[in-house]
Amino acid sequence: MTINWEDAPEGATHYRAPVWYMVVGKDAYYHLYPGRWQICSVGADHITPANGFTPRPVAEAWDTKELPPIGAVCEMQDANGSWVQVEIIASHRGFTHGWCMARQVSYFSAKPNEFRPIQNDRARAIEEMVDIYYKHSEGYSNVRFGALYDAGWRKQP
């Protein structure tokens, strides 16, 4: 059986004939009619391929100009502006929802600039140096901080 995911209601993360399902954190919902989701009596841990549920395929590439696709692992800004690693678990009514396993909390946003690919160590170090520098003065660009890092000027713990 072929599933046409273009027919899926907004937010659907799984399908088991003839019903669409949406998993958000530990909760699972089933689709009643357009715009109406009802909480399931079973939790998200039951909505698995082993139980006959087909997960929505994950897009291969994310161009970072749009909201990330369901299943993507990326960083997302929390309410304080800090970046946290999340797994995108749902998209509903224009909002993308990410689950942060480290904090056991979900975040949501409709703004693509609040998501970014997971940063490598070099990018994190440069961001730290820029943040520290601009808290105390104004001036240099990220390029100069990158040169400082590459030259080994960062004190290692």
N, C-alpha and C. Protein backbone atom coordinates (compact mmCIF):
# COMPACT_ATOMS: atom_id res chain seq x y z
N MET A 1 0.83 -1.17 0.00
CA MET A 1 0.00 0.00 0.00
C MET A 1 0.89 1.25 0.00
N THR A 2 0.57 2.19 -0.87
CA THR A 2 1.31 3.44 -0.95
C THR A 2 0.54 4.52 -0.22
N ILE A 3 1.26 5.26 0.63
CA ILE A 3 0.63 6.34 1.39
C ILE A 3 0.95 7.65 0.69
N ASN A 4 -0.08 8.43 0.40
CA ASN A 4 0.12 9.74 -0.21
C ASN A 4 0.20 10.77 0.93
N TRP A 5 1.42 11.13 1.33
CA TRP A 5 1.61 12.04 2.45
C TRP A 5 1.14 13.45 2.14
N GLU A 6 0.93 13.76 0.87
CA GLU A 6 0.39 15.07 0.53
C GLU A 6 -1.06 15.19 0.98
N ASP A 7 -1.74 14.06 1.17
CA ASP A 7 -3.13 14.06 1.65
C ASP A 7 -3.21 14.13 3.17
N ALA A 8 -2.06 14.02 3.84
CA ALA A 8 -2.05 14.00 5.30
C ALA A 8 -2.47 15.36 5.86
N PRO A 9 -3.22 15.35 6.96
CA PRO A 9 -3.56 16.63 7.59
C PRO A 9 -2.30 17.27 8.18
N GLU A 10 -2.33 18.57 8.34
CA GLU A 10 -1.18 19.28 8.89
C GLU A 10 -0.86 18.76 10.28
N GLY A 11 0.41 18.42 10.49
CA GLY A 11 0.85 17.92 11.78
C GLY A 11 0.96 16.41 11.85
N ALA A 12 0.42 15.69 10.87
CA ALA A 12 0.45 14.23 10.91
C ALA A 12 1.89 13.72 10.88
N THR A 13 2.19 12.79 11.79
CA THR A 13 3.53 12.20 11.85
C THR A 13 3.52 10.72 11.53
N HIS A 14 2.34 10.07 11.57
CA HIS A 14 2.22 8.63 11.34
C HIS A 14 0.89 8.32 10.66
N TYR A 15 0.84 7.12 10.06
CA TYR A 15 -0.40 6.67 9.42
C TYR A 15 -0.57 5.18 9.70
N ARG A 16 -1.79 4.78 10.01
CA ARG A 16 -2.19 3.38 10.06
C ARG A 16 -3.61 3.36 9.55
N ALA A 17 -3.81 2.69 8.42
CA ALA A 17 -5.09 2.73 7.70
C ALA A 17 -6.26 2.47 8.64
N PRO A 18 -7.26 3.28 8.54
CA PRO A 18 -7.44 4.47 7.68
C PRO A 18 -7.23 5.78 8.41
N VAL A 19 -6.42 5.80 9.47
CA VAL A 19 -6.35 6.97 10.35
C VAL A 19 -4.95 7.61 10.34
N TRP A 20 -4.92 8.95 10.38
CA TRP A 20 -3.70 9.71 10.52
C TRP A 20 -3.44 9.96 12.00
N TYR A 21 -2.16 9.96 12.40
CA TYR A 21 -1.79 10.17 13.79
C TYR A 21 -0.74 11.26 13.89
N MET A 22 -0.70 11.92 15.06
CA MET A 22 0.30 12.94 15.33
C MET A 22 0.90 12.65 16.70
N VAL A 23 2.22 12.58 16.75
CA VAL A 23 2.93 12.36 18.01
C VAL A 23 3.59 13.68 18.40
N VAL A 24 3.33 14.10 19.65
CA VAL A 24 3.94 15.32 20.19
C VAL A 24 4.44 14.97 21.58
N GLY A 25 5.77 14.89 21.72
CA GLY A 25 6.35 14.49 23.00
C GLY A 25 5.92 13.08 23.36
N LYS A 26 5.29 12.90 24.51
CA LYS A 26 4.84 11.58 24.96
C LYS A 26 3.38 11.31 24.62
N ASP A 27 2.71 12.30 24.00
CA ASP A 27 1.29 12.16 23.67
C ASP A 27 1.09 11.80 22.21
N ALA A 28 0.00 11.09 21.95
CA ALA A 28 -0.38 10.73 20.58
C ALA A 28 -1.82 11.20 20.35
N TYR A 29 -2.08 11.63 19.12
CA TYR A 29 -3.41 12.12 18.75
C TYR A 29 -3.83 11.44 17.45
N TYR A 30 -5.13 11.30 17.25
CA TYR A 30 -5.62 10.81 15.96
C TYR A 30 -6.50 11.89 15.34
N HIS A 31 -6.57 11.87 14.01
CA HIS A 31 -7.26 12.92 13.27
C HIS A 31 -8.73 12.56 13.10
N LEU A 32 -9.61 13.44 13.61
CA LEU A 32 -11.04 13.21 13.50
C LEU A 32 -11.60 13.76 12.19
N TYR A 33 -11.39 15.04 11.96
CA TYR A 33 -11.83 15.72 10.74
C TYR A 33 -10.97 16.97 10.60
N PRO A 34 -11.03 17.68 9.46
CA PRO A 34 -10.12 18.79 9.23
C PRO A 34 -9.99 19.74 10.43
N GLY A 35 -8.75 19.90 10.88
CA GLY A 35 -8.45 20.81 11.97
C GLY A 35 -8.73 20.27 13.36
N ARG A 36 -9.13 19.01 13.49
CA ARG A 36 -9.50 18.48 14.81
C ARG A 36 -8.72 17.21 15.11
N TRP A 37 -7.90 17.27 16.16
CA TRP A 37 -7.14 16.13 16.64
C TRP A 37 -7.68 15.72 18.01
N GLN A 38 -7.77 14.42 18.26
CA GLN A 38 -8.25 13.88 19.53
C GLN A 38 -7.14 13.08 20.17
N ILE A 39 -6.91 13.27 21.47
CA ILE A 39 -5.85 12.54 22.14
C ILE A 39 -6.18 11.04 22.16
N CYS A 40 -5.16 10.22 21.94
CA CYS A 40 -5.33 8.76 21.93
C CYS A 40 -5.28 8.23 23.36
N SER A 41 -5.87 7.07 23.57
CA SER A 41 -5.81 6.43 24.88
C SER A 41 -4.45 5.79 25.10
N VAL A 42 -3.67 5.62 24.03
CA VAL A 42 -2.31 5.07 24.15
C VAL A 42 -1.32 6.21 23.96
N GLY A 43 -0.14 6.10 24.55
CA GLY A 43 0.88 7.14 24.43
C GLY A 43 1.69 7.01 23.16
N ALA A 44 2.61 7.95 22.98
CA ALA A 44 3.45 7.99 21.79
C ALA A 44 4.34 6.76 21.67
N ASP A 45 4.68 6.14 22.80
CA ASP A 45 5.53 4.95 22.75
C ASP A 45 4.86 3.77 22.06
N HIS A 46 3.54 3.84 21.86
CA HIS A 46 2.81 2.77 21.16
C HIS A 46 2.77 3.01 19.64
N ILE A 47 2.97 4.25 19.22
CA ILE A 47 2.88 4.62 17.80
C ILE A 47 4.22 4.29 17.13
N THR A 48 4.43 3.03 16.82
CA THR A 48 5.69 2.56 16.25
C THR A 48 5.43 1.68 15.03
N PRO A 49 6.43 1.51 14.17
CA PRO A 49 6.28 0.59 13.04
C PRO A 49 5.96 -0.84 13.49
N ALA A 50 6.48 -1.25 14.64
CA ALA A 50 6.21 -2.60 15.14
C ALA A 50 4.72 -2.81 15.40
N ASN A 51 4.02 -1.72 15.69
CA ASN A 51 2.57 -1.80 15.93
C ASN A 51 1.75 -1.42 14.70
N GLY A 52 2.38 -1.38 13.55
CA GLY A 52 1.67 -1.14 12.30
C GLY A 52 1.54 0.31 11.88
N PHE A 53 2.21 1.22 12.56
CA PHE A 53 2.15 2.64 12.22
C PHE A 53 3.31 2.99 11.30
N THR A 54 3.01 3.70 10.24
CA THR A 54 4.03 4.12 9.29
C THR A 54 4.42 5.56 9.58
N PRO A 55 5.71 5.83 9.93
CA PRO A 55 6.12 7.21 10.20
C PRO A 55 6.24 8.01 8.91
N ARG A 56 6.02 9.30 9.02
CA ARG A 56 6.19 10.19 7.87
C ARG A 56 7.65 10.15 7.45
N PRO A 57 7.92 10.01 6.17
CA PRO A 57 9.33 10.01 5.72
C PRO A 57 9.98 11.36 6.01
N VAL A 58 11.25 11.32 6.34
CA VAL A 58 12.02 12.53 6.64
C VAL A 58 12.63 13.04 5.34
N ALA A 59 12.53 14.33 5.13
CA ALA A 59 13.13 14.93 3.95
C ALA A 59 14.65 14.75 4.01
N GLU A 60 15.26 14.56 2.87
CA GLU A 60 16.70 14.32 2.81
C GLU A 60 17.50 15.56 3.18
N ALA A 61 17.09 16.70 2.67
CA ALA A 61 17.89 17.91 2.87
C ALA A 61 17.04 19.01 3.49
N TRP A 62 17.70 19.84 4.26
CA TRP A 62 17.05 21.01 4.86
C TRP A 62 17.89 22.20 4.49
N ASP A 63 17.30 23.15 3.78
CA ASP A 63 18.07 24.29 3.27
C ASP A 63 18.27 25.41 4.30
N THR A 64 17.73 25.28 5.49
CA THR A 64 17.82 26.22 6.61
C THR A 64 17.13 27.55 6.36
N LYS A 65 16.56 27.76 5.17
CA LYS A 65 15.80 28.97 4.91
C LYS A 65 14.33 28.76 5.28
N GLU A 66 13.95 27.51 5.39
CA GLU A 66 12.59 27.14 5.77
C GLU A 66 12.64 26.49 7.15
N LEU A 67 11.49 26.13 7.68
CA LEU A 67 11.45 25.40 8.94
C LEU A 67 11.96 23.98 8.70
N PRO A 68 12.64 23.38 9.68
CA PRO A 68 13.19 22.04 9.49
C PRO A 68 12.08 20.98 9.38
N PRO A 69 12.35 19.89 8.66
CA PRO A 69 11.34 18.84 8.50
C PRO A 69 11.24 17.96 9.75
N ILE A 70 10.13 17.28 9.88
CA ILE A 70 9.93 16.34 10.98
C ILE A 70 11.01 15.27 10.91
N GLY A 71 11.60 14.97 12.05
CA GLY A 71 12.67 13.98 12.12
C GLY A 71 14.06 14.59 12.12
N ALA A 72 14.17 15.86 11.72
CA ALA A 72 15.48 16.51 11.70
C ALA A 72 15.98 16.72 13.12
N VAL A 73 17.28 16.60 13.31
CA VAL A 73 17.92 16.93 14.58
C VAL A 73 18.71 18.20 14.33
N CYS A 74 18.40 19.23 15.11
CA CYS A 74 19.02 20.54 14.89
C CYS A 74 19.07 21.30 16.21
N GLU A 75 19.47 22.55 16.15
CA GLU A 75 19.45 23.39 17.33
C GLU A 75 18.33 24.42 17.16
N MET A 76 17.73 24.78 18.28
CA MET A 76 16.60 25.70 18.28
C MET A 76 16.78 26.68 19.44
N GLN A 77 16.40 27.92 19.24
CA GLN A 77 16.52 28.90 20.31
C GLN A 77 15.39 28.74 21.32
N ASP A 78 15.75 28.75 22.60
CA ASP A 78 14.72 28.72 23.63
C ASP A 78 14.28 30.16 23.93
N ALA A 79 13.40 30.33 24.89
CA ALA A 79 12.85 31.65 25.21
C ALA A 79 13.91 32.64 25.67
N ASN A 80 15.04 32.14 26.18
CA ASN A 80 16.12 33.02 26.64
C ASN A 80 17.15 33.32 25.56
N GLY A 81 16.95 32.77 24.36
CA GLY A 81 17.90 32.99 23.28
C GLY A 81 19.05 32.01 23.24
N SER A 82 19.04 31.02 24.15
CA SER A 82 20.08 29.98 24.15
C SER A 82 19.73 28.93 23.10
N TRP A 83 20.76 28.32 22.54
CA TRP A 83 20.55 27.27 21.55
C TRP A 83 20.52 25.92 22.25
N VAL A 84 19.49 25.11 21.96
CA VAL A 84 19.36 23.77 22.52
C VAL A 84 19.16 22.77 21.39
N GLN A 85 19.69 21.56 21.57
CA GLN A 85 19.53 20.53 20.56
C GLN A 85 18.15 19.92 20.69
N VAL A 86 17.44 19.81 19.56
CA VAL A 86 16.10 19.23 19.54
C VAL A 86 15.94 18.26 18.37
N GLU A 87 14.95 17.39 18.50
CA GLU A 87 14.50 16.57 17.37
C GLU A 87 13.14 17.11 16.98
N ILE A 88 12.96 17.41 15.70
CA ILE A 88 11.69 17.96 15.24
C ILE A 88 10.66 16.83 15.26
N ILE A 89 9.60 17.03 16.05
CA ILE A 89 8.62 15.97 16.26
C ILE A 89 7.27 16.25 15.62
N ALA A 90 6.99 17.50 15.27
CA ALA A 90 5.69 17.82 14.68
C ALA A 90 5.73 19.17 14.00
N SER A 91 4.80 19.34 13.09
CA SER A 91 4.58 20.62 12.44
C SER A 91 3.07 20.78 12.36
N HIS A 92 2.57 21.86 12.95
CA HIS A 92 1.12 22.04 13.01
C HIS A 92 0.78 23.52 12.97
N ARG A 93 -0.13 23.87 12.06
CA ARG A 93 -0.61 25.25 11.91
C ARG A 93 0.52 26.27 11.78
N GLY A 94 1.54 25.91 11.03
CA GLY A 94 2.65 26.82 10.77
C GLY A 94 3.74 26.82 11.82
N PHE A 95 3.55 26.07 12.90
CA PHE A 95 4.56 25.99 13.95
C PHE A 95 5.28 24.66 13.87
N THR A 96 6.58 24.70 14.10
CA THR A 96 7.40 23.49 14.15
C THR A 96 7.75 23.23 15.61
N HIS A 97 7.56 21.98 16.03
CA HIS A 97 7.78 21.59 17.42
C HIS A 97 9.02 20.72 17.53
N GLY A 98 9.90 21.08 18.46
CA GLY A 98 11.12 20.31 18.70
C GLY A 98 11.16 19.79 20.13
N TRP A 99 11.61 18.55 20.29
CA TRP A 99 11.71 17.92 21.62
C TRP A 99 13.17 17.94 22.03
N CYS A 100 13.44 18.53 23.20
CA CYS A 100 14.79 18.58 23.75
C CYS A 100 14.92 17.46 24.78
N MET A 101 15.63 16.42 24.43
CA MET A 101 15.78 15.27 25.31
C MET A 101 16.54 15.65 26.58
N ALA A 102 17.55 16.50 26.47
CA ALA A 102 18.37 16.87 27.63
C ALA A 102 17.54 17.58 28.70
N ARG A 103 16.59 18.40 28.28
CA ARG A 103 15.77 19.16 29.24
C ARG A 103 14.39 18.55 29.45
N GLN A 104 14.05 17.53 28.66
CA GLN A 104 12.73 16.88 28.72
C GLN A 104 11.61 17.91 28.56
N VAL A 105 11.75 18.74 27.51
CA VAL A 105 10.75 19.77 27.25
C VAL A 105 10.64 19.99 25.74
N SER A 106 9.47 20.42 25.30
CA SER A 106 9.32 20.71 23.87
C SER A 106 9.27 22.22 23.67
N TYR A 107 9.75 22.64 22.52
CA TYR A 107 9.75 24.04 22.12
C TYR A 107 9.01 24.14 20.79
N PHE A 108 8.49 25.32 20.47
CA PHE A 108 7.88 25.50 19.17
C PHE A 108 8.16 26.89 18.64
N SER A 109 8.16 27.01 17.32
CA SER A 109 8.40 28.30 16.68
C SER A 109 7.91 28.24 15.24
N ALA A 110 7.57 29.40 14.72
CA ALA A 110 7.20 29.52 13.31
C ALA A 110 8.26 30.31 12.55
N LYS A 111 9.39 30.62 13.22
CA LYS A 111 10.43 31.45 12.62
C LYS A 111 11.64 30.61 12.23
N PRO A 112 11.94 30.50 10.93
CA PRO A 112 13.09 29.71 10.48
C PRO A 112 14.42 30.15 11.09
N ASN A 113 14.56 31.44 11.44
CA ASN A 113 15.84 31.90 12.00
C ASN A 113 16.04 31.44 13.45
N GLU A 114 15.06 30.77 14.04
CA GLU A 114 15.22 30.22 15.39
C GLU A 114 15.66 28.75 15.35
N PHE A 115 16.02 28.27 14.15
CA PHE A 115 16.53 26.92 13.97
C PHE A 115 17.86 27.02 13.24
N ARG A 116 18.76 26.11 13.52
CA ARG A 116 20.02 26.05 12.78
C ARG A 116 20.56 24.63 12.86
N PRO A 117 21.44 24.26 11.91
CA PRO A 117 22.08 22.94 12.01
C PRO A 117 22.92 22.87 13.29
N ILE A 118 23.17 21.67 13.76
CA ILE A 118 23.99 21.49 14.95
C ILE A 118 25.38 22.03 14.67
N GLN A 119 25.86 22.88 15.55
CA GLN A 119 27.15 23.53 15.38
C GLN A 119 28.30 22.60 15.77
N ASN A 120 29.40 22.70 15.04
CA ASN A 120 30.59 21.93 15.42
C ASN A 120 31.34 22.68 16.52
N ASP A 121 32.38 22.07 17.07
CA ASP A 121 33.12 22.67 18.18
C ASP A 121 33.71 24.04 17.82
N ARG A 122 34.22 24.15 16.61
CA ARG A 122 34.82 25.42 16.19
C ARG A 122 33.76 26.52 16.18
N ALA A 123 32.61 26.25 15.60
CA ALA A 123 31.55 27.26 15.52
C ALA A 123 31.06 27.65 16.91
N ARG A 124 30.93 26.67 17.82
CA ARG A 124 30.50 26.96 19.20
C ARG A 124 31.53 27.84 19.92
N ALA A 125 32.80 27.52 19.74
CA ALA A 125 33.86 28.29 20.39
C ALA A 125 33.87 29.73 19.88
N ILE A 126 33.72 29.90 18.59
CA ILE A 126 33.69 31.25 18.00
C ILE A 126 32.49 32.02 18.54
N GLU A 127 31.35 31.36 18.60
CA GLU A 127 30.15 32.01 19.13
C GLU A 127 30.34 32.44 20.59
N GLU A 128 30.96 31.58 21.37
CA GLU A 128 31.26 31.92 22.77
C GLU A 128 32.16 33.15 22.86
N MET A 129 33.23 33.16 22.04
CA MET A 129 34.16 34.28 22.07
C MET A 129 33.47 35.57 21.64
N VAL A 130 32.63 35.50 20.62
CA VAL A 130 31.90 36.68 20.16
C VAL A 130 30.98 37.18 21.27
N ASP A 131 30.24 36.27 21.90
CA ASP A 131 29.34 36.66 22.99
C ASP A 131 30.09 37.33 24.13
N ILE A 132 31.19 36.72 24.53
CA ILE A 132 32.00 37.28 25.63
C ILE A 132 32.53 38.66 25.24
N TYR A 133 33.07 38.76 24.04
CA TYR A 133 33.66 40.02 23.60
C TYR A 133 32.62 41.14 23.58
N TYR A 134 31.44 40.87 22.98
CA TYR A 134 30.43 41.92 22.84
C TYR A 134 29.74 42.26 24.15
N LYS A 135 29.87 41.42 25.14
CA LYS A 135 29.33 41.77 26.46
C LYS A 135 30.20 42.84 27.12
N HIS A 136 31.46 42.97 26.68
CA HIS A 136 32.40 43.89 27.31
C HIS A 136 32.80 45.07 26.43
N SER A 137 32.63 44.97 25.13
CA SER A 137 33.00 46.07 24.25
C SER A 137 32.42 45.83 22.86
N GLU A 138 32.81 46.67 21.91
CA GLU A 138 32.37 46.52 20.52
C GLU A 138 33.59 46.42 19.62
N GLY A 139 33.40 45.85 18.42
CA GLY A 139 34.52 45.88 17.51
C GLY A 139 34.66 44.77 16.52
N TYR A 140 35.49 43.78 16.81
CA TYR A 140 35.97 42.82 15.83
C TYR A 140 34.88 41.95 15.22
N SER A 141 35.19 41.38 14.07
CA SER A 141 34.24 40.54 13.35
C SER A 141 34.46 39.07 13.66
N ASN A 142 33.50 38.25 13.24
CA ASN A 142 33.61 36.80 13.42
C ASN A 142 34.84 36.22 12.71
N VAL A 143 35.25 36.87 11.62
CA VAL A 143 36.42 36.38 10.89
C VAL A 143 37.66 36.46 11.77
N ARG A 144 37.82 37.55 12.49
CA ARG A 144 38.99 37.69 13.37
C ARG A 144 38.93 36.71 14.53
N PHE A 145 37.74 36.46 15.08
CA PHE A 145 37.62 35.47 16.14
C PHE A 145 37.93 34.07 15.60
N GLY A 146 37.54 33.81 14.36
CA GLY A 146 37.88 32.53 13.74
C GLY A 146 39.38 32.37 13.60
N ALA A 147 40.04 33.45 13.24
CA ALA A 147 41.51 33.41 13.11
C ALA A 147 42.15 33.17 14.47
N LEU A 148 41.61 33.77 15.52
CA LEU A 148 42.12 33.54 16.88
C LEU A 148 41.99 32.06 17.26
N TYR A 149 40.86 31.49 16.96
CA TYR A 149 40.64 30.07 17.30
C TYR A 149 41.61 29.19 16.51
N ASP A 150 41.71 29.43 15.20
CA ASP A 150 42.58 28.62 14.35
C ASP A 150 44.05 28.73 14.77
N ALA A 151 44.42 29.88 15.31
CA ALA A 151 45.81 30.09 15.74
C ALA A 151 46.09 29.48 17.12
N GLY A 152 45.05 28.94 17.76
CA GLY A 152 45.24 28.30 19.06
C GLY A 152 45.25 29.24 20.23
N TRP A 153 44.67 30.44 20.07
CA TRP A 153 44.67 31.42 21.14
C TRP A 153 43.59 31.15 22.20
N ARG A 154 42.73 30.22 21.97
CA ARG A 154 41.69 29.93 22.95
C ARG A 154 42.27 29.03 24.04
N LYS A 155 42.04 29.42 25.25
CA LYS A 155 42.53 28.63 26.40
C LYS A 155 41.65 27.39 26.54
N GLN A 156 42.28 26.23 26.50
CA GLN A 156 41.53 24.98 26.62
C GLN A 156 41.37 24.58 28.07
N PRO A 157 40.20 24.01 28.45
CA PRO A 157 40.00 23.57 29.85
C PRO A 157 40.89 22.41 30.23
